[in-house]
Amino acid sequence: MIVNIPNSLTLARIIAVPFVVWLIISNEMTLAFILFLLAGASDAADGFLAKRFGWNTELGAYLDPIADKALLVSIYVTLGFSGHLPVWLVIAVVSRDVLIVGAFMLSSMLGRPVAVQPILISKFNTFFQIVLAGVVLAELGVGFGLGGVVQVLAWITGILTITSAGAYFWGWLVYMARYEPVPHRPARRAKGVRGAQGSGVSAR
């Protein structure tokens, strides 16, 4: 079944993206924070249900990372334009994803598709991106007095984002450098083809 419960939760996260953006622009930070928490809970729920009941689908494998990235990048861009996150950090986050997607697309176009396998530093990067987004929304919506924590998390997230992008790009370059085109071999012709005079002639 393509549209099962996990996939429905994933689609709900995608649908929630414009609402989160609208809430942040409208300065409804408390509601934006609550919706962000619900999105995180749905992400954990769809992963658990897919593994527990074997509801894994090819559609879900593509939709899940798309939903996560769409939500996270949208929040970063909106918070950056609103002045709640450093512009350099937003540029780094967006540029990293564009670089990775572009490299993978180029590899596919060249007939060298790359298997998408998250590396360790990428997992740390995603974790800190989520934590930073949550802390910023919580600070703006509830006000925990975490201004100093936000600054520290921003620098850690920025360093991890840039390092992760560099690691992916270096791995991509190494992978592409190992590419060896298959040498063209002309089709072998049958031997002993007789010419018009009936004499045996080997085809060349």
Protein backbone atom coordinates (compact mmCIF):
# COMPACT_ATOMS: atom_id res chain seq x y z
CA MET A 1 0.00 0.00 0.00
CA ILE A 2 1.60 3.26 -1.15
CA VAL A 3 -0.40 5.73 0.97
CA ASN A 4 -0.15 4.14 4.42
CA ILE A 5 0.02 5.77 7.85
CA PRO A 6 3.78 6.59 7.76
CA ASN A 7 3.48 8.11 4.29
CA SER A 8 0.41 10.07 5.39
CA LEU A 9 2.40 11.52 8.31
CA THR A 10 5.22 12.41 5.94
CA LEU A 11 2.81 14.15 3.58
CA ALA A 12 1.38 16.03 6.55
CA ARG A 13 4.87 17.38 7.32
CA ILE A 14 5.22 18.59 3.76
CA ILE A 15 1.81 20.29 3.95
CA ALA A 16 2.85 21.89 7.25
CA VAL A 17 5.81 23.71 5.65
CA PRO A 18 3.89 26.77 4.33
CA PHE A 19 1.97 27.02 7.61
CA VAL A 20 5.19 27.13 9.65
CA VAL A 21 6.62 29.76 7.31
CA TRP A 22 3.43 31.83 7.56
CA LEU A 23 3.41 31.61 11.37
CA ILE A 24 7.02 32.77 11.60
CA ILE A 25 6.42 35.66 9.20
CA SER A 26 3.31 36.57 11.19
CA ASN A 27 5.38 36.51 14.40
CA GLU A 28 3.20 33.73 15.82
CA MET A 29 6.27 32.04 17.28
CA THR A 30 4.48 30.00 19.94
CA LEU A 31 2.26 28.32 17.36
CA ALA A 32 5.25 27.90 15.04
CA PHE A 33 7.15 26.17 17.85
CA ILE A 34 4.21 23.87 18.62
CA LEU A 35 3.83 22.95 14.94
CA PHE A 36 7.59 22.30 14.78
CA LEU A 37 7.30 19.93 17.76
CA LEU A 38 4.35 18.14 16.12
CA ALA A 39 6.36 17.75 12.93
CA GLY A 40 9.22 16.24 14.90
CA ALA A 41 6.85 13.86 16.66
CA SER A 42 5.33 12.79 13.33
CA ASP A 43 8.82 12.15 11.95
CA ALA A 44 9.61 9.83 14.84
CA ALA A 45 6.19 8.17 14.59
CA ASP A 46 6.33 7.40 10.88
CA GLY A 47 9.81 5.93 11.25
CA PHE A 48 8.71 3.72 14.14
CA LEU A 49 5.54 2.54 12.39
CA ALA A 50 7.35 1.81 9.14
CA LYS A 51 9.90 -0.40 10.92
CA ARG A 52 7.49 -1.96 13.43
CA PHE A 53 4.84 -3.04 10.93
CA GLY A 54 6.94 -3.31 7.78
CA TRP A 55 5.17 -0.40 6.11
CA ASN A 56 8.27 0.68 4.22
CA THR A 57 7.59 1.83 0.67
CA GLU A 58 9.71 3.27 -2.12
CA LEU A 59 7.55 6.41 -2.03
CA GLY A 60 8.23 6.83 1.68
CA ALA A 61 11.97 6.40 1.16
CA TYR A 62 11.92 9.43 -1.15
CA LEU A 63 9.30 11.52 0.66
CA ASP A 64 10.75 11.30 4.18
CA PRO A 65 14.07 13.11 3.53
CA ILE A 66 12.29 15.57 1.23
CA ALA A 67 9.81 16.44 3.99
CA ASP A 68 12.54 16.84 6.58
CA LYS A 69 14.70 19.03 4.36
CA ALA A 70 11.79 21.11 3.11
CA LEU A 71 10.67 21.88 6.66
CA LEU A 72 14.15 22.54 8.05
CA VAL A 73 15.42 24.66 5.17
CA SER A 74 12.18 26.67 5.06
CA ILE A 75 12.46 27.43 8.77
CA TYR A 76 16.11 28.49 8.42
CA VAL A 77 15.42 30.74 5.44
CA THR A 78 12.42 32.34 7.13
CA LEU A 79 14.25 32.86 10.43
CA GLY A 80 17.20 34.29 8.51
CA PHE A 81 15.06 36.81 6.63
CA SER A 82 13.35 37.70 9.90
CA GLY A 83 16.73 38.45 11.47
CA HIS A 84 16.55 35.64 14.03
CA LEU A 85 19.41 33.60 12.53
CA PRO A 86 22.73 34.79 11.07
CA VAL A 87 22.56 35.23 7.31
CA TRP A 88 25.88 33.42 6.83
CA LEU A 89 24.46 30.35 8.57
CA VAL A 90 21.34 30.32 6.38
CA ILE A 91 23.51 30.62 3.26
CA ALA A 92 25.70 27.75 4.47
CA VAL A 93 22.70 25.49 5.17
CA VAL A 94 21.03 26.16 1.83
CA SER A 95 24.28 26.02 -0.16
CA ARG A 96 25.22 22.67 1.37
CA ASP A 97 21.97 21.05 0.28
CA VAL A 98 22.11 22.62 -3.18
CA LEU A 99 25.71 21.43 -3.58
CA ILE A 100 24.91 17.86 -2.57
CA VAL A 101 21.76 17.60 -4.70
CA GLY A 102 23.54 19.17 -7.67
CA ALA A 103 26.49 16.77 -7.38
CA PHE A 104 24.20 13.74 -7.22
CA MET A 105 22.17 14.96 -10.20
CA LEU A 106 25.32 15.55 -12.23
CA SER A 107 26.57 12.06 -11.39
CA SER A 108 23.29 10.56 -12.59
CA MET A 109 23.42 12.58 -15.81
CA LEU A 110 26.93 11.26 -16.45
CA GLY A 111 25.82 7.70 -15.86
CA ARG A 112 27.59 7.48 -12.50
CA PRO A 113 24.75 7.52 -9.92
CA VAL A 114 25.89 7.87 -6.33
CA ALA A 115 24.17 5.97 -3.53
CA VAL A 116 22.93 8.43 -0.89
CA GLN A 117 24.43 7.27 2.39
CA PRO A 118 24.52 9.75 5.30
CA ILE A 119 27.96 10.00 6.88
CA LEU A 120 28.55 10.42 10.61
CA ILE A 121 29.29 14.13 10.54
CA SER A 122 26.14 14.65 8.47
CA LYS A 123 24.06 13.00 11.21
CA PHE A 124 25.61 15.32 13.81
CA ASN A 125 24.96 18.27 11.50
CA THR A 126 21.28 17.36 11.06
CA PHE A 127 20.88 16.89 14.82
CA PHE A 128 22.31 20.32 15.61
CA GLN A 129 20.30 21.97 12.83
CA ILE A 130 17.11 20.56 14.34
CA VAL A 131 18.13 21.53 17.89
CA LEU A 132 19.04 25.06 16.84
CA ALA A 133 15.76 25.57 14.98
CA GLY A 134 13.81 24.26 17.95
CA VAL A 135 15.71 26.38 20.49
CA VAL A 136 15.28 29.55 18.41
CA LEU A 137 11.54 28.96 17.98
CA ALA A 138 11.20 28.12 21.69
CA GLU A 139 13.09 31.27 22.69
CA LEU A 140 10.98 33.44 20.40
CA GLY A 141 7.71 31.77 21.34
CA VAL A 142 8.12 31.10 25.04
CA GLY A 143 11.20 33.05 26.11
CA PHE A 144 13.54 30.83 28.10
CA GLY A 145 16.43 33.31 28.09
CA LEU A 146 18.60 31.13 25.88
CA GLY A 147 20.18 33.89 23.78
CA GLY A 148 23.72 32.79 24.65
CA VAL A 149 22.90 29.16 23.89
CA VAL A 150 21.51 30.15 20.50
CA GLN A 151 24.77 31.88 19.57
CA VAL A 152 26.86 28.87 20.58
CA LEU A 153 24.55 26.47 18.72
CA ALA A 154 24.66 28.71 15.65
CA TRP A 155 28.45 28.52 15.47
CA ILE A 156 28.51 24.76 16.09
CA THR A 157 25.83 24.21 13.45
CA GLY A 158 27.64 26.43 10.97
CA ILE A 159 30.95 24.61 11.43
CA LEU A 160 29.28 21.21 11.11
CA THR A 161 27.34 22.34 8.03
CA ILE A 162 30.46 23.56 6.22
CA THR A 163 32.50 20.52 7.29
CA SER A 164 29.74 18.16 6.22
CA ALA A 165 29.48 19.85 2.82
CA GLY A 166 33.24 19.56 2.37
CA ALA A 167 33.22 15.87 3.34
CA TYR A 168 30.42 15.06 0.90
CA PHE A 169 32.06 17.03 -1.90
CA TRP A 170 35.46 15.42 -1.33
CA GLY A 171 33.89 11.96 -1.33
CA TRP A 172 32.06 12.84 -4.55
CA LEU A 173 35.29 14.01 -6.21
CA VAL A 174 37.11 10.82 -5.20
CA TYR A 175 34.22 8.71 -6.51
CA MET A 176 34.12 10.54 -9.83
CA ALA A 177 37.92 10.41 -10.20
CA ARG A 178 37.75 6.60 -10.12
CA TYR A 179 35.50 6.61 -13.17
CA GLU A 180 36.97 4.61 -16.03
CA PRO A 181 34.93 4.66 -19.23
CA VAL A 182 34.30 1.25 -20.75
CA PRO A 183 36.55 0.96 -23.82
CA HIS A 184 34.65 0.71 -27.08
CA ARG A 185 35.06 -2.67 -28.69
CA PRO A 186 34.02 -2.97 -32.33
CA ALA A 187 31.64 -5.79 -33.07
CA ARG A 188 33.39 -8.93 -34.23
CA ARG A 189 32.44 -10.03 -37.71
CA ALA A 190 32.05 -13.61 -38.80
CA LYS A 191 35.12 -15.16 -40.31
CA GLY A 192 35.23 -16.89 -43.66
CA VAL A 193 32.80 -14.60 -45.43
CA ARG A 194 32.97 -15.38 -49.12
CA GLY A 195 33.41 -12.58 -51.59
CA ALA A 196 31.68 -12.13 -54.88
CA GLN A 197 34.28 -14.33 -56.61
CA GLY A 198 33.57 -17.20 -54.23
CA SER A 199 37.06 -17.17 -52.68
CA GLY A 200 37.39 -17.39 -48.88
CA VAL A 201 38.13 -13.96 -47.43
CA SER A 202 38.42 -13.04 -43.77
CA ALA A 203 36.33 -9.98 -42.95
CA ARG A 204 38.27 -7.12 -41.38
